[in-house]
C-alpha atoms as a PDB file:
ATOM      1  CA  MET A   1      12.232  -8.477 -12.101  1.00  0.00           C
ATOM      2  CA  GLY A   2      11.470 -12.172 -11.847  1.00  0.00           C
ATOM      3  CA  THR A   3       8.311 -13.696 -10.450  1.00  0.00           C
ATOM      4  CA  PRO A   4       5.849 -11.125  -9.056  1.00  0.00           C
ATOM      5  CA  ALA A   5       4.654 -11.426  -5.468  1.00  0.00           C
ATOM      6  CA  HIS A   6       1.039 -10.874  -6.564  1.00  0.00           C
ATOM      7  CA  ARG A   7      -1.039 -10.517  -9.717  1.00  0.00           C
ATOM      8  CA  TYR A   8      -4.192  -8.440 -10.033  1.00  0.00           C
ATOM      9  CA  GLN A   9      -6.628  -8.109 -12.888  1.00  0.00           C
ATOM     10  CA  TYR A  10      -7.717  -4.560 -13.715  1.00  0.00           C
ATOM     11  CA  GLY A  11      -9.973  -4.421 -16.743  1.00  0.00           C
ATOM     12  CA  ASP A  12      -8.007  -5.889 -19.631  1.00  0.00           C
ATOM     13  CA  GLN A  13      -4.683  -5.227 -17.862  1.00  0.00           C
ATOM     14  CA  THR A  14      -2.751  -7.456 -15.505  1.00  0.00           C
ATOM     15  CA  LEU A  15      -0.902  -5.756 -12.655  1.00  0.00           C
ATOM     16  CA  LEU A  16       2.251  -7.438 -11.354  1.00  0.00           C
ATOM     17  CA  GLU A  17       3.379  -6.469  -7.851  1.00  0.00           C
ATOM     18  CA  TYR A  18       7.077  -6.413  -6.915  1.00  0.00           C
ATOM     19  CA  PRO A  19       7.649  -5.423  -3.267  1.00  0.00           C
ATOM     20  CA  GLY A  20      11.099  -4.499  -2.066  1.00  0.00           C
ATOM     21  CA  GLY A  21      13.345  -1.776  -0.802  1.00  0.00           C
ATOM     22  CA  TYR A  22      14.648  -1.231   2.682  1.00  0.00           C
ATOM     23  CA  TYR A  23      12.126  -2.774   5.129  1.00  0.00           C
ATOM     24  CA  GLY A  24       9.637  -3.036   2.286  1.00  0.00           C
ATOM     25  CA  GLN A  25       9.309   0.720   1.759  1.00  0.00           C
ATOM     26  CA  GLN A  26       8.966   0.347  -1.997  1.00  0.00           C
ATOM     27  CA  THR A  27       6.551  -1.596  -4.143  1.00  0.00           C
ATOM     28  CA  TYR A  28       6.630  -1.519  -7.914  1.00  0.00           C
ATOM     29  CA  MET A  29       3.629  -2.295 -10.074  1.00  0.00           C
ATOM     30  CA  ALA A  30       3.994  -3.369 -13.697  1.00  0.00           C
ATOM     31  CA  HIS A  31       0.948  -2.812 -15.922  1.00  0.00           C
ATOM     32  CA  ILE A  32       0.733  -5.479 -18.628  1.00  0.00           C
ATOM     33  CA  GLY A  33      -1.638  -5.057 -21.580  1.00  0.00           C
ATOM     34  CA  PRO A  34      -3.845  -7.772 -23.079  1.00  0.00           C
ATOM     35  CA  ASP A  35      -1.120  -8.390 -25.674  1.00  0.00           C
ATOM     36  CA  GLY A  36       1.348  -9.280 -22.876  1.00  0.00           C
ATOM     37  CA  ARG A  37       3.427  -6.122 -23.341  1.00  0.00           C
ATOM     38  CA  LEU A  38       4.541  -3.747 -20.606  1.00  0.00           C
ATOM     39  CA  ILE A  39       2.443  -0.553 -20.561  1.00  0.00           C
ATOM     40  CA  ASP A  40       3.817   1.108 -17.425  1.00  0.00           C
ATOM     41  CA  TYR A  41       6.067   0.391 -14.457  1.00  0.00           C
ATOM     42  CA  GLU A  42       5.896   2.545 -11.331  1.00  0.00           C
ATOM     43  CA  GLN A  43       6.777   2.792  -7.650  1.00  0.00           C
ATOM     44  CA  VAL A  44       3.375   2.864  -5.932  1.00  0.00           C
ATOM     45  CA  ARG A  45       4.184   3.604  -2.286  1.00  0.00           C
ATOM     46  CA  THR A  46       3.957   7.343  -2.696  1.00  0.00           C
ATOM     47  CA  VAL A  47       1.931  10.175  -1.186  1.00  0.00           C
ATOM     48  CA  GLU A  48       0.188  10.593  -4.537  1.00  0.00           C
ATOM     49  CA  LYS A  49      -0.906   6.957  -4.751  1.00  0.00           C
ATOM     50  CA  PHE A  50      -2.112   6.875  -1.132  1.00  0.00           C
ATOM     51  CA  GLY A  51      -3.961  10.133  -1.833  1.00  0.00           C
ATOM     52  CA  ALA A  52      -5.804   8.493  -4.738  1.00  0.00           C
ATOM     53  CA  ILE A  53      -7.532   6.068  -2.352  1.00  0.00           C
ATOM     54  CA  LYS A  54     -11.083   7.354  -1.933  1.00  0.00           C
ATOM     55  CA  ILE A  55     -12.531   7.221   1.574  1.00  0.00           C
ATOM     56  CA  ASN A  56     -16.030   5.669   1.733  1.00  0.00           C
ATOM     57  CA  GLU A  57     -15.598   4.346  -1.830  1.00  0.00           C
ATOM     58  CA  ALA A  58     -12.424   2.292  -2.279  1.00  0.00           C
ATOM     59  CA  THR A  59     -12.476  -1.408  -1.434  1.00  0.00           C
ATOM     60  CA  LYS A  60      -9.711  -3.789  -0.385  1.00  0.00           C
ATOM     61  CA  ALA A  61      -9.338  -4.841  -4.039  1.00  0.00           C
ATOM     62  CA  ASP A  62      -8.941  -1.188  -5.087  1.00  0.00           C
ATOM     63  CA  VAL A  63      -6.258  -0.642  -2.442  1.00  0.00           C
ATOM     64  CA  LEU A  64      -4.355  -3.774  -3.486  1.00  0.00           C
ATOM     65  CA  ARG A  65      -4.344  -2.610  -7.121  1.00  0.00           C
ATOM     66  CA  THR A  66      -3.252   0.895  -6.086  1.00  0.00           C
ATOM     67  CA  VAL A  67      -0.488   0.315  -3.497  1.00  0.00           C
ATOM     68  CA  GLY A  68      -0.094  -3.467  -3.247  1.00  0.00           C
ATOM     69  CA  THR A  69      -0.096  -5.684  -0.189  1.00  0.00           C
ATOM     70  CA  PRO A  70       0.341  -4.149   3.272  1.00  0.00           C
ATOM     71  CA  SER A  71       3.435  -4.464   5.435  1.00  0.00           C
ATOM     72  CA  GLU A  72       1.260  -5.296   8.439  1.00  0.00           C
ATOM     73  CA  THR A  73      -2.386  -5.850   9.286  1.00  0.00           C
ATOM     74  CA  SER A  74      -4.223  -5.344  12.567  1.00  0.00           C
ATOM     75  CA  TRP A  75      -7.738  -5.145  14.002  1.00  0.00           C
ATOM     76  CA  LEU A  76      -9.257  -2.330  16.066  1.00  0.00           C
ATOM     77  CA  SER A  77     -11.951  -4.007  18.145  1.00  0.00           C
ATOM     78  CA  LEU A  78     -13.858  -0.987  19.478  1.00  0.00           C
ATOM     79  CA  PRO A  79     -14.499   0.740  16.143  1.00  0.00           C
ATOM     80  CA  GLN A  80     -14.566  -2.685  14.394  1.00  0.00           C
ATOM     81  CA  LEU A  81     -12.010  -1.724  11.735  1.00  0.00           C
ATOM     82  CA  GLU A  82      -9.335  -3.735   9.965  1.00  0.00           C
ATOM     83  CA  VAL A  83      -6.116  -1.774   9.467  1.00  0.00           C
ATOM     84  CA  TRP A  84      -3.615  -2.289   6.675  1.00  0.00           C
ATOM     85  CA  SER A  85      -0.309  -0.524   7.338  1.00  0.00           C
ATOM     86  CA  TYR A  86       2.238   0.353   4.668  1.00  0.00           C
ATOM     87  CA  ARG A  87       5.861   1.334   5.216  1.00  0.00           C
ATOM     88  CA  TYR A  88       7.125   3.919   2.763  1.00  0.00           C
ATOM     89  CA  LYS A  89       9.616   6.731   2.351  1.00  0.00           C
ATOM     90  CA  GLU A  90       7.450   9.865   2.321  1.00  0.00           C
ATOM     91  CA  ASN A  91       8.740  12.318  -0.301  1.00  0.00           C
ATOM     92  CA  ASN A  92      11.872  10.142  -0.437  1.00  0.00           C
ATOM     93  CA  ILE A  93      12.876  11.609   2.951  1.00  0.00           C
ATOM     94  CA  TRP A  94      10.814  10.480   5.957  1.00  0.00           C
ATOM     95  CA  ASN A  95      10.349   6.920   7.165  1.00  0.00           C
ATOM     96  CA  SER A  96       6.576   6.833   7.358  1.00  0.00           C
ATOM     97  CA  MET A  97       3.696   4.440   7.794  1.00  0.00           C
ATOM     98  CA  MET A  98       0.333   4.829   6.088  1.00  0.00           C
ATOM     99  CA  HIS A  99      -2.625   3.191   7.808  1.00  0.00           C
ATOM    100  CA  ILE A 100      -5.739   2.351   5.801  1.00  0.00           C
ATOM    101  CA  GLU A 101      -8.797   1.390   7.853  1.00  0.00           C
ATOM    102  CA  PHE A 102     -11.606  -0.784   6.451  1.00  0.00           C
ATOM    103  CA  ASP A 103     -15.052  -1.467   7.841  1.00  0.00           C
ATOM    104  CA  ARG A 104     -16.469  -5.006   8.013  1.00  0.00           C
ATOM    105  CA  SER A 105     -17.733  -4.769   4.427  1.00  0.00           C
ATOM    106  CA  GLY A 106     -14.187  -4.015   3.171  1.00  0.00           C
ATOM    107  CA  VAL A 107     -14.693  -0.323   2.355  1.00  0.00           C
ATOM    108  CA  VAL A 108     -12.051   2.270   3.263  1.00  0.00           C
ATOM    109  CA  ARG A 109     -13.223   4.477   6.138  1.00  0.00           C
ATOM    110  CA  LYS A 110      -9.994   6.281   7.048  1.00  0.00           C
ATOM    111  CA  VAL A 111      -6.470   6.866   5.744  1.00  0.00           C
ATOM    112  CA  GLU A 112      -3.918   8.100   8.259  1.00  0.00           C
ATOM    113  CA  ASN A 113      -0.217   8.843   7.978  1.00  0.00           C
ATOM    114  CA  GLY A 114       2.357   8.680  10.758  1.00  0.00           C
ATOM    115  CA  ARG A 115       5.946   7.936  11.661  1.00  0.00           C
ATOM    116  CA  ASP A 116       7.159   4.392  11.138  1.00  0.00           C
ATOM    117  CA  PRO A 117       7.725   2.970  14.649  1.00  0.00           C
ATOM    118  CA  LEU A 118      10.445   0.738  13.233  1.00  0.00           C
ATOM    119  CA  TYR A 119      12.603   3.848  12.940  1.00  0.00           C
ATOM    120  CA  ASP A 120      11.369   5.604  16.073  1.00  0.00           C
ATOM    121  CA  ASN A 121      14.250   5.517  18.524  1.00  0.00           C
ATOM    122  CA  SER A 122      12.874   8.210  20.846  1.00  0.00           C
ATOM    123  CA  GLU A 123      12.614   5.639  23.658  1.00  0.00           C
ATOM    124  CA  SER A 124      16.347   4.952  23.440  1.00  0.00           C
ATOM    125  CA  ARG A 125      17.134   8.650  23.957  1.00  0.00           C
ATOM    126  CA  LYS A 126      15.586   8.758  27.453  1.00  0.00           C
END
């Protein structure tokens, strides 16, 4: 797969992140053991992986190790939340966007799914 986009340490394992796919809808994570051998290789932008992110517990580091780097980031000033948004193909069918909201201390406060506006052409139908 070449050079990974990011490396994360998780216990005695090293996680190698390989983003890709159409508009970045896929991200693969390779789990490398302490002996340098591949343990596992998986596509992490899935409903199951997003569902594993624990609200009021998970941190930014946990999210990065679970689903990789976001497609976009933004800031909601009124509730004072940082939002990481991830493009993905929900159930390999729908072009979706998962939004993960963090408080100022970097803890997940909300996870919300929606349509990916990149594919929303409802305005062009009017």
